[in-house]
Amino acid sequence: MKKSLAVAAVLSLFVAACGGETKPAEKTTAAVASAASAVAAETASVASAVTAETASIASAATDAVASAVVEVASETSATVEEAASTVEAAVASAVK
């Protein structure tokens, strides 16, 4: 009987020492909430950077298209002036 009482006492001490700990779960929940907050903040930062880069690319593309249009217009103007000069020379030659 003394052995049974000793085993019961040891088991009750073991249960008292090991049972009822909820802090690790609370710490895990807090860590997960903190990580989720950090992920949300990083996602917002990346979205902002993507928006800024997209605007920069759109601006660069607009500038490149505008430059190409000006170049084509300049070349077309030179071609039209050259054709007009040729027509004037042909008319002048035909009138003589």
PDB file of N, CA and C in Angstrom:
ATOM      1  N   MET A   1       0.809  -1.177   0.000  1.00  0.00           N
ATOM      2  CA  MET A   1       0.000   0.000   0.000  1.00  0.00           C
ATOM      3  C   MET A   1       0.863   1.257   0.000  1.00  0.00           C
ATOM      4  N   LYS A   2       1.984   1.204   0.716  1.00  0.00           N
ATOM      5  CA  LYS A   2       2.886   2.349   0.745  1.00  0.00           C
ATOM      6  C   LYS A   2       3.403   2.629  -0.675  1.00  0.00           C
ATOM      7  N   LYS A   3       3.634   1.559  -1.411  1.00  0.00           N
ATOM      8  CA  LYS A   3       4.125   1.720  -2.795  1.00  0.00           C
ATOM      9  C   LYS A   3       3.053   2.382  -3.650  1.00  0.00           C
ATOM     10  N   SER A   4       1.813   2.034  -3.486  1.00  0.00           N
ATOM     11  CA  SER A   4       0.721   2.637  -4.245  1.00  0.00           C
ATOM     12  C   SER A   4       0.562   4.106  -3.903  1.00  0.00           C
ATOM     13  N   LEU A   5       0.691   4.424  -2.609  1.00  0.00           N
ATOM     14  CA  LEU A   5       0.599   5.834  -2.185  1.00  0.00           C
ATOM     15  C   LEU A   5       1.771   6.644  -2.746  1.00  0.00           C
ATOM     16  N   ALA A   6       2.930   6.043  -2.780  1.00  0.00           N
ATOM     17  CA  ALA A   6       4.104   6.740  -3.321  1.00  0.00           C
ATOM     18  C   ALA A   6       3.931   6.979  -4.817  1.00  0.00           C
ATOM     19  N   VAL A   7       3.428   5.984  -5.564  1.00  0.00           N
ATOM     20  CA  VAL A   7       3.200   6.133  -6.999  1.00  0.00           C
ATOM     21  C   VAL A   7       2.134   7.193  -7.237  1.00  0.00           C
ATOM     22  N   ALA A   8       1.069   7.194  -6.448  1.00  0.00           N
ATOM     23  CA  ALA A   8       0.003   8.194  -6.583  1.00  0.00           C
ATOM     24  C   ALA A   8       0.536   9.587  -6.296  1.00  0.00           C
ATOM     25  N   ALA A   9       1.395   9.718  -5.311  1.00  0.00           N
ATOM     26  CA  ALA A   9       1.980  11.019  -4.974  1.00  0.00           C
ATOM     27  C   ALA A   9       2.882  11.508  -6.107  1.00  0.00           C
ATOM     28  N   VAL A  10       3.682  10.619  -6.651  1.00  0.00           N
ATOM     29  CA  VAL A  10       4.580  10.986  -7.748  1.00  0.00           C
ATOM     30  C   VAL A  10       3.769  11.386  -8.980  1.00  0.00           C
ATOM     31  N   LEU A  11       2.728  10.625  -9.297  1.00  0.00           N
ATOM     32  CA  LEU A  11       1.886  10.957 -10.442  1.00  0.00           C
ATOM     33  C   LEU A  11       1.176  12.290 -10.260  1.00  0.00           C
ATOM     34  N   SER A  12       0.699  12.565  -9.059  1.00  0.00           N
ATOM     35  CA  SER A  12       0.018  13.844  -8.821  1.00  0.00           C
ATOM     36  C   SER A  12       1.002  15.004  -8.945  1.00  0.00           C
ATOM     37  N   LEU A  13       2.234  14.802  -8.482  1.00  0.00           N
ATOM     38  CA  LEU A  13       3.262  15.842  -8.644  1.00  0.00           C
ATOM     39  C   LEU A  13       3.589  16.047 -10.129  1.00  0.00           C
ATOM     40  N   PHE A  14       3.653  14.943 -10.855  1.00  0.00           N
ATOM     41  CA  PHE A  14       3.931  15.028 -12.293  1.00  0.00           C
ATOM     42  C   PHE A  14       2.824  15.789 -13.020  1.00  0.00           C
ATOM     43  N   VAL A  15       1.577  15.483 -12.720  1.00  0.00           N
ATOM     44  CA  VAL A  15       0.442  16.158 -13.348  1.00  0.00           C
ATOM     45  C   VAL A  15       0.442  17.629 -12.975  1.00  0.00           C
ATOM     46  N   ALA A  16       0.732  17.930 -11.717  1.00  0.00           N
ATOM     47  CA  ALA A  16       0.761  19.329 -11.262  1.00  0.00           C
ATOM     48  C   ALA A  16       1.883  20.094 -11.950  1.00  0.00           C
ATOM     49  N   ALA A  17       3.019  19.447 -12.171  1.00  0.00           N
ATOM     50  CA  ALA A  17       4.165  20.120 -12.781  1.00  0.00           C
ATOM     51  C   ALA A  17       4.006  20.292 -14.282  1.00  0.00           C
ATOM     52  N   CYS A  18       3.337  19.373 -14.939  1.00  0.00           N
ATOM     53  CA  CYS A  18       3.282  19.386 -16.396  1.00  0.00           C
ATOM     54  C   CYS A  18       1.955  19.868 -16.960  1.00  0.00           C
ATOM     55  N   GLY A  19       0.912  19.840 -16.197  1.00  0.00           N
ATOM     56  CA  GLY A  19      -0.400  20.125 -16.757  1.00  0.00           C
ATOM     57  C   GLY A  19      -0.724  21.607 -16.778  1.00  0.00           C
ATOM     58  N   GLY A  20      -1.679  21.968 -17.615  1.00  0.00           N
ATOM     59  CA  GLY A  20      -2.248  23.303 -17.609  1.00  0.00           C
ATOM     60  C   GLY A  20      -1.420  24.395 -18.259  1.00  0.00           C
ATOM     61  N   GLU A  21      -0.397  24.083 -18.986  1.00  0.00           N
ATOM     62  CA  GLU A  21       0.398  25.127 -19.631  1.00  0.00           C
ATOM     63  C   GLU A  21      -0.252  25.522 -20.957  1.00  0.00           C
ATOM     64  N   THR A  22      -0.705  26.772 -21.035  1.00  0.00           N
ATOM     65  CA  THR A  22      -1.313  27.268 -22.274  1.00  0.00           C
ATOM     66  C   THR A  22      -0.475  28.376 -22.897  1.00  0.00           C
ATOM     67  N   LYS A  23       0.577  28.776 -22.242  1.00  0.00           N
ATOM     68  CA  LYS A  23       1.381  29.877 -22.764  1.00  0.00           C
ATOM     69  C   LYS A  23       2.051  29.565 -24.104  1.00  0.00           C
ATOM     70  N   PRO A  24       2.551  28.364 -24.341  1.00  0.00           N
ATOM     71  CA  PRO A  24       3.132  28.114 -25.660  1.00  0.00           C
ATOM     72  C   PRO A  24       2.130  28.339 -26.795  1.00  0.00           C
ATOM     73  N   ALA A  25       0.886  27.947 -26.595  1.00  0.00           N
ATOM     74  CA  ALA A  25      -0.125  28.174 -27.631  1.00  0.00           C
ATOM     75  C   ALA A  25      -0.382  29.664 -27.817  1.00  0.00           C
ATOM     76  N   GLU A  26      -0.406  30.402 -26.704  1.00  0.00           N
ATOM     77  CA  GLU A  26      -0.598  31.852 -26.798  1.00  0.00           C
ATOM     78  C   GLU A  26       0.571  32.505 -27.525  1.00  0.00           C
ATOM     79  N   LYS A  27       1.769  32.045 -27.232  1.00  0.00           N
ATOM     80  CA  LYS A  27       2.949  32.581 -27.913  1.00  0.00           C
ATOM     81  C   LYS A  27       2.894  32.263 -29.402  1.00  0.00           C
ATOM     82  N   THR A  28       2.467  31.058 -29.732  1.00  0.00           N
ATOM     83  CA  THR A  28       2.356  30.676 -31.136  1.00  0.00           C
ATOM     84  C   THR A  28       1.324  31.530 -31.851  1.00  0.00           C
ATOM     85  N   THR A  29       0.196  31.760 -31.204  1.00  0.00           N
ATOM     86  CA  THR A  29      -0.839  32.596 -31.804  1.00  0.00           C
ATOM     87  C   THR A  29      -0.329  34.017 -32.015  1.00  0.00           C
ATOM     88  N   ALA A  30       0.373  34.543 -31.037  1.00  0.00           N
ATOM     89  CA  ALA A  30       0.929  35.889 -31.172  1.00  0.00           C
ATOM     90  C   ALA A  30       1.975  35.940 -32.278  1.00  0.00           C
ATOM     91  N   ALA A  31       2.798  34.902 -32.382  1.00  0.00           N
ATOM     92  CA  ALA A  31       3.826  34.866 -33.422  1.00  0.00           C
ATOM     93  C   ALA A  31       3.190  34.781 -34.803  1.00  0.00           C
ATOM     94  N   VAL A  32       2.130  33.970 -34.921  1.00  0.00           N
ATOM     95  CA  VAL A  32       1.444  33.851 -36.208  1.00  0.00           C
ATOM     96  C   VAL A  32       0.787  35.171 -36.577  1.00  0.00           C
ATOM     97  N   ALA A  33       0.160  35.842 -35.604  1.00  0.00           N
ATOM     98  CA  ALA A  33      -0.465  37.136 -35.871  1.00  0.00           C
ATOM     99  C   ALA A  33       0.579  38.165 -36.283  1.00  0.00           C
ATOM    100  N   SER A  34       1.727  38.149 -35.637  1.00  0.00           N
ATOM    101  CA  SER A  34       2.805  39.075 -35.982  1.00  0.00           C
ATOM    102  C   SER A  34       3.339  38.804 -37.390  1.00  0.00           C
ATOM    103  N   ALA A  35       3.515  37.520 -37.708  1.00  0.00           N
ATOM    104  CA  ALA A  35       3.997  37.162 -39.043  1.00  0.00           C
ATOM    105  C   ALA A  35       2.985  37.552 -40.111  1.00  0.00           C
ATOM    106  N   ALA A  36       1.689  37.350 -39.824  1.00  0.00           N
ATOM    107  CA  ALA A  36       0.652  37.731 -40.782  1.00  0.00           C
ATOM    108  C   ALA A  36       0.642  39.237 -41.004  1.00  0.00           C
ATOM    109  N   SER A  37       0.849  39.989 -39.939  1.00  0.00           N
ATOM    110  CA  SER A  37       0.914  41.442 -40.065  1.00  0.00           C
ATOM    111  C   SER A  37       2.119  41.868 -40.901  1.00  0.00           C
ATOM    112  N   ALA A  38       3.249  41.213 -40.672  1.00  0.00           N
ATOM    113  CA  ALA A  38       4.456  41.530 -41.449  1.00  0.00           C
ATOM    114  C   ALA A  38       4.263  41.190 -42.924  1.00  0.00           C
ATOM    115  N   VAL A  39       3.606  40.063 -43.198  1.00  0.00           N
ATOM    116  CA  VAL A  39       3.342  39.671 -44.584  1.00  0.00           C
ATOM    117  C   VAL A  39       2.412  40.675 -45.253  1.00  0.00           C
ATOM    118  N   ALA A  40       1.389  41.121 -44.524  1.00  0.00           N
ATOM    119  CA  ALA A  40       0.455  42.103 -45.086  1.00  0.00           C
ATOM    120  C   ALA A  40       1.169  43.421 -45.386  1.00  0.00           C
ATOM    121  N   ALA A  41       2.038  43.846 -44.488  1.00  0.00           N
ATOM    122  CA  ALA A  41       2.788  45.086 -44.714  1.00  0.00           C
ATOM    123  C   ALA A  41       3.724  44.955 -45.905  1.00  0.00           C
ATOM    124  N   GLU A  42       4.383  43.815 -46.025  1.00  0.00           N
ATOM    125  CA  GLU A  42       5.304  43.597 -47.153  1.00  0.00           C
ATOM    126  C   GLU A  42       4.533  43.524 -48.464  1.00  0.00           C
ATOM    127  N   THR A  43       3.360  42.902 -48.429  1.00  0.00           N
ATOM    128  CA  THR A  43       2.523  42.833 -49.622  1.00  0.00           C
ATOM    129  C   THR A  43       2.109  44.219 -50.078  1.00  0.00           C
ATOM    130  N   ALA A  44       1.732  45.072 -49.126  1.00  0.00           N
ATOM    131  CA  ALA A  44       1.362  46.443 -49.460  1.00  0.00           C
ATOM    132  C   ALA A  44       2.558  47.204 -50.035  1.00  0.00           C
ATOM    133  N   SER A  45       3.734  46.966 -49.481  1.00  0.00           N
ATOM    134  CA  SER A  45       4.942  47.622 -49.977  1.00  0.00           C
ATOM    135  C   SER A  45       5.260  47.182 -51.403  1.00  0.00           C
ATOM    136  N   VAL A  46       5.139  45.891 -51.664  1.00  0.00           N
ATOM    137  CA  VAL A  46       5.398  45.374 -53.011  1.00  0.00           C
ATOM    138  C   VAL A  46       4.369  45.929 -54.001  1.00  0.00           C
ATOM    139  N   ALA A  47       3.112  45.977 -53.586  1.00  0.00           N
ATOM    140  CA  ALA A  47       2.068  46.512 -54.468  1.00  0.00           C
ATOM    141  C   ALA A  47       2.346  47.969 -54.805  1.00  0.00           C
ATOM    142  N   SER A  48       2.804  48.730 -53.830  1.00  0.00           N
ATOM    143  CA  SER A  48       3.142  50.134 -54.070  1.00  0.00           C
ATOM    144  C   SER A  48       4.319  50.254 -55.042  1.00  0.00           C
ATOM    145  N   ALA A  49       5.323  49.425 -54.851  1.00  0.00           N
ATOM    146  CA  ALA A  49       6.486  49.446 -55.744  1.00  0.00           C
ATOM    147  C   ALA A  49       6.101  49.052 -57.163  1.00  0.00           C
ATOM    148  N   VAL A  50       5.230  48.062 -57.298  1.00  0.00           N
ATOM    149  CA  VAL A  50       4.783  47.628 -58.627  1.00  0.00           C
ATOM    150  C   VAL A  50       4.000  48.753 -59.307  1.00  0.00           C
ATOM    151  N   THR A  51       3.151  49.427 -58.545  1.00  0.00           N
ATOM    152  CA  THR A  51       2.381  50.542 -59.103  1.00  0.00           C
ATOM    153  C   THR A  51       3.311  51.648 -59.586  1.00  0.00           C
ATOM    154  N   ALA A  52       4.303  51.985 -58.776  1.00  0.00           N
ATOM    155  CA  ALA A  52       5.253  53.027 -59.162  1.00  0.00           C
ATOM    156  C   ALA A  52       6.050  52.623 -60.398  1.00  0.00           C
ATOM    157  N   GLU A  53       6.499  51.379 -60.440  1.00  0.00           N
ATOM    158  CA  GLU A  53       7.281  50.903 -61.586  1.00  0.00           C
ATOM    159  C   GLU A  53       6.425  50.860 -62.849  1.00  0.00           C
ATOM    160  N   THR A  54       5.165  50.464 -62.693  1.00  0.00           N
ATOM    161  CA  THR A  54       4.253  50.437 -63.839  1.00  0.00           C
ATOM    162  C   THR A  54       4.061  51.839 -64.393  1.00  0.00           C
ATOM    163  N   ALA A  55       3.897  52.818 -63.513  1.00  0.00           N
ATOM    164  CA  ALA A  55       3.752  54.203 -63.957  1.00  0.00           C
ATOM    165  C   ALA A  55       5.018  54.677 -64.671  1.00  0.00           C
ATOM    166  N   SER A  56       6.173  54.296 -64.139  1.00  0.00           N
ATOM    167  CA  SER A  56       7.442  54.676 -64.758  1.00  0.00           C
ATOM    168  C   SER A  56       7.584  54.057 -66.147  1.00  0.00           C
ATOM    169  N   ILE A  57       7.217  52.782 -66.258  1.00  0.00           N
ATOM    170  CA  ILE A  57       7.300  52.108 -67.556  1.00  0.00           C
ATOM    171  C   ILE A  57       6.331  52.732 -68.550  1.00  0.00           C
ATOM    172  N   ALA A  58       5.119  53.040 -68.080  1.00  0.00           N
ATOM    173  CA  ALA A  58       4.127  53.662 -68.961  1.00  0.00           C
ATOM    174  C   ALA A  58       4.618  55.021 -69.442  1.00  0.00           C
ATOM    175  N   SER A  59       5.245  55.775 -68.550  1.00  0.00           N
ATOM    176  CA  SER A  59       5.774  57.085 -68.926  1.00  0.00           C
ATOM    177  C   SER A  59       6.901  56.942 -69.953  1.00  0.00           C
ATOM    178  N   ALA A  60       7.779  55.979 -69.715  1.00  0.00           N
ATOM    179  CA  ALA A  60       8.882  55.753 -70.655  1.00  0.00           C
ATOM    180  C   ALA A  60       8.355  55.302 -72.015  1.00  0.00           C
ATOM    181  N   ALA A  61       7.344  54.456 -72.004  1.00  0.00           N
ATOM    182  CA  ALA A  61       6.762  53.978 -73.261  1.00  0.00           C
ATOM    183  C   ALA A  61       6.104  55.134 -74.006  1.00  0.00           C
ATOM    184  N   THR A  62       5.405  55.991 -73.278  1.00  0.00           N
ATOM    185  CA  THR A  62       4.771  57.156 -73.900  1.00  0.00           C
ATOM    186  C   THR A  62       5.821  58.070 -74.513  1.00  0.00           C
ATOM    187  N   ASP A  63       6.909  58.296 -73.789  1.00  0.00           N
ATOM    188  CA  ASP A  63       7.993  59.129 -74.317  1.00  0.00           C
ATOM    189  C   ASP A  63       8.607  58.506 -75.574  1.00  0.00           C
ATOM    190  N   ALA A  64       8.795  57.193 -75.551  1.00  0.00           N
ATOM    191  CA  ALA A  64       9.386  56.514 -76.713  1.00  0.00           C
ATOM    192  C   ALA A  64       8.462  56.600 -77.918  1.00  0.00           C
ATOM    193  N   VAL A  65       7.163  56.417 -77.704  1.00  0.00           N
ATOM    194  CA  VAL A  65       6.207  56.509 -78.813  1.00  0.00           C
ATOM    195  C   VAL A  65       6.162  57.927 -79.352  1.00  0.00           C
ATOM    196  N   ALA A  66       6.151  58.913 -78.470  1.00  0.00           N
ATOM    197  CA  ALA A  66       6.126  60.310 -78.906  1.00  0.00           C
ATOM    198  C   ALA A  66       7.376  60.644 -79.721  1.00  0.00           C
ATOM    199  N   SER A  67       8.515  60.155 -79.265  1.00  0.00           N
ATOM    200  CA  SER A  67       9.762  60.394 -79.994  1.00  0.00           C
ATOM    201  C   SER A  67       9.710  59.749 -81.377  1.00  0.00           C
ATOM    202  N   ALA A  68       9.183  58.524 -81.450  1.00  0.00           N
ATOM    203  CA  ALA A  68       9.074  57.834 -82.742  1.00  0.00           C
ATOM    204  C   ALA A  68       8.118  58.565 -83.674  1.00  0.00           C
ATOM    205  N   VAL A  69       7.022  59.081 -83.134  1.00  0.00           N
ATOM    206  CA  VAL A  69       6.058  59.821 -83.963  1.00  0.00           C
ATOM    207  C   VAL A  69       6.703  61.090 -84.509  1.00  0.00           C
ATOM    208  N   VAL A  70       7.447  61.802 -83.681  1.00  0.00           N
ATOM    209  CA  VAL A  70       8.128  63.023 -84.136  1.00  0.00           C
ATOM    210  C   VAL A  70       9.132  62.688 -85.229  1.00  0.00           C
ATOM    211  N   GLU A  71       9.866  61.597 -85.056  1.00  0.00           N
ATOM    212  CA  GLU A  71      10.858  61.196 -86.054  1.00  0.00           C
ATOM    213  C   GLU A  71      10.184  60.840 -87.379  1.00  0.00           C
ATOM    214  N   VAL A  72       9.091  60.075 -87.317  1.00  0.00           N
ATOM    215  CA  VAL A  72       8.375  59.697 -88.539  1.00  0.00           C
ATOM    216  C   VAL A  72       7.796  60.936 -89.210  1.00  0.00           C
ATOM    217  N   ALA A  73       7.254  61.858 -88.425  1.00  0.00           N
ATOM    218  CA  ALA A  73       6.695  63.087 -88.991  1.00  0.00           C
ATOM    219  C   ALA A  73       7.778  63.909 -89.675  1.00  0.00           C
ATOM    220  N   SER A  74       8.946  63.963 -89.063  1.00  0.00           N
ATOM    221  CA  SER A  74      10.061  64.709 -89.648  1.00  0.00           C
ATOM    222  C   SER A  74      10.501  64.078 -90.977  1.00  0.00           C
ATOM    223  N   GLU A  75      10.606  62.727 -90.968  1.00  0.00           N
ATOM    224  CA  GLU A  75      10.986  62.045 -92.201  1.00  0.00           C
ATOM    225  C   GLU A  75       9.934  62.221 -93.288  1.00  0.00           C
ATOM    226  N   THR A  76       8.661  62.172 -92.898  1.00  0.00           N
ATOM    227  CA  THR A  76       7.574  62.351 -93.862  1.00  0.00           C
ATOM    228  C   THR A  76       7.593  63.758 -94.425  1.00  0.00           C
ATOM    229  N   SER A  77       7.846  64.732 -93.579  1.00  0.00           N
ATOM    230  CA  SER A  77       7.914  66.123 -94.028  1.00  0.00           C
ATOM    231  C   SER A  77       9.052  66.307 -95.032  1.00  0.00           C
ATOM    232  N   ALA A  78      10.204  65.697 -94.751  1.00  0.00           N
ATOM    233  CA  ALA A  78      11.345  65.793 -95.663  1.00  0.00           C
ATOM    234  C   ALA A  78      11.012  65.128 -96.992  1.00  0.00           C
ATOM    235  N   THR A  79      10.327  63.978 -96.942  1.00  0.00           N
ATOM    236  CA  THR A  79       9.954  63.276 -98.170  1.00  0.00           C
ATOM    237  C   THR A  79       8.959  64.104 -98.981  1.00  0.00           C
ATOM    238  N   VAL A  80       7.993  64.724 -98.308  1.00  0.00           N
ATOM    239  CA  VAL A  80       7.002  65.559 -99.008  1.00  0.00           C
ATOM    240  C   VAL A  80       7.678  66.780 -99.623  1.00  0.00           C
ATOM    241  N   GLU A  81       8.585  67.410 -98.905  1.00  0.00           N
ATOM    242  CA  GLU A  81       9.305  68.564 -99.446  1.00  0.00           C
ATOM    243  C   GLU A  81      10.129  68.162-100.664  1.00  0.00           C
ATOM    244  N   GLU A  82      10.750  67.006-100.595  1.00  0.00           N
ATOM    245  CA  GLU A  82      11.547  66.515-101.719  1.00  0.00           C
ATOM    246  C   GLU A  82      10.651  66.232-102.926  1.00  0.00           C
ATOM    247  N   ALA A  83       9.483  65.637-102.671  1.00  0.00           N
ATOM    248  CA  ALA A  83       8.550  65.353-103.770  1.00  0.00           C
ATOM    249  C   ALA A  83       8.014  66.647-104.365  1.00  0.00           C
ATOM    250  N   ALA A  84       7.736  67.643-103.521  1.00  0.00           N
ATOM    251  CA  ALA A  84       7.242  68.927-104.020  1.00  0.00           C
ATOM    252  C   ALA A  84       8.306  69.604-104.878  1.00  0.00           C
ATOM    253  N   SER A  85       9.550  69.508-104.459  1.00  0.00           N
ATOM    254  CA  SER A  85      10.643  70.091-105.233  1.00  0.00           C
ATOM    255  C   SER A  85      10.757  69.401-106.591  1.00  0.00           C
ATOM    256  N   THR A  86      10.605  68.086-106.602  1.00  0.00           N
ATOM    257  CA  THR A  86      10.672  67.336-107.858  1.00  0.00           C
ATOM    258  C   THR A  86       9.523  67.729-108.778  1.00  0.00           C
ATOM    259  N   VAL A  87       8.323  67.885-108.207  1.00  0.00           N
ATOM    260  CA  VAL A  87       7.161  68.278-109.008  1.00  0.00           C
ATOM    261  C   VAL A  87       7.354  69.682-109.551  1.00  0.00           C
ATOM    262  N   GLU A  88       7.864  70.607-108.752  1.00  0.00           N
ATOM    263  CA  GLU A  88       8.115  71.977-109.210  1.00  0.00           C
ATOM    264  C   GLU A  88       9.128  71.988-110.347  1.00  0.00           C
ATOM    265  N   ALA A  89      10.164  71.166-110.203  1.00  0.00           N
ATOM    266  CA  ALA A  89      11.175  71.098-111.259  1.00  0.00           C
ATOM    267  C   ALA A  89      10.584  70.517-112.534  1.00  0.00           C
ATOM    268  N   ALA A  90       9.720  69.530-112.415  1.00  0.00           N
ATOM    269  CA  ALA A  90       9.087  68.930-113.584  1.00  0.00           C
ATOM    270  C   ALA A  90       8.145  69.926-114.260  1.00  0.00           C
ATOM    271  N   VAL A  91       7.402  70.679-113.446  1.00  0.00           N
ATOM    272  CA  VAL A  91       6.480  71.682-114.008  1.00  0.00           C
ATOM    273  C   VAL A  91       7.285  72.786-114.689  1.00  0.00           C
ATOM    274  N   ALA A  92       8.338  73.226-114.074  1.00  0.00           N
ATOM    275  CA  ALA A  92       9.178  74.273-114.641  1.00  0.00           C
ATOM    276  C   ALA A  92       9.790  73.798-115.951  1.00  0.00           C
ATOM    277  N   SER A  93      10.204  72.549-116.003  1.00  0.00           N
ATOM    278  CA  SER A  93      10.784  71.991-117.203  1.00  0.00           C
ATOM    279  C   SER A  93       9.744  71.866-118.305  1.00  0.00           C
ATOM    280  N   ALA A  94       8.515  71.514-117.930  1.00  0.00           N
ATOM    281  CA  ALA A  94       7.453  71.355-118.922  1.00  0.00           C
ATOM    282  C   ALA A  94       7.003  72.698-119.451  1.00  0.00           C
ATOM    283  N   VAL A  95       7.056  73.757-118.682  1.00  0.00           N
ATOM    284  CA  VAL A  95       6.604  75.084-119.103  1.00  0.00           C
ATOM    285  C   VAL A  95       7.602  75.676-120.089  1.00  0.00           C
ATOM    286  N   LYS A  96       8.806  75.403-119.991  1.00  0.00           N
ATOM    287  CA  LYS A  96       9.826  76.001-120.877  1.00  0.00           C
ATOM    288  C   LYS A  96       9.631  75.511-122.220  1.00  0.00           C
TER     289      LYS A  96
END
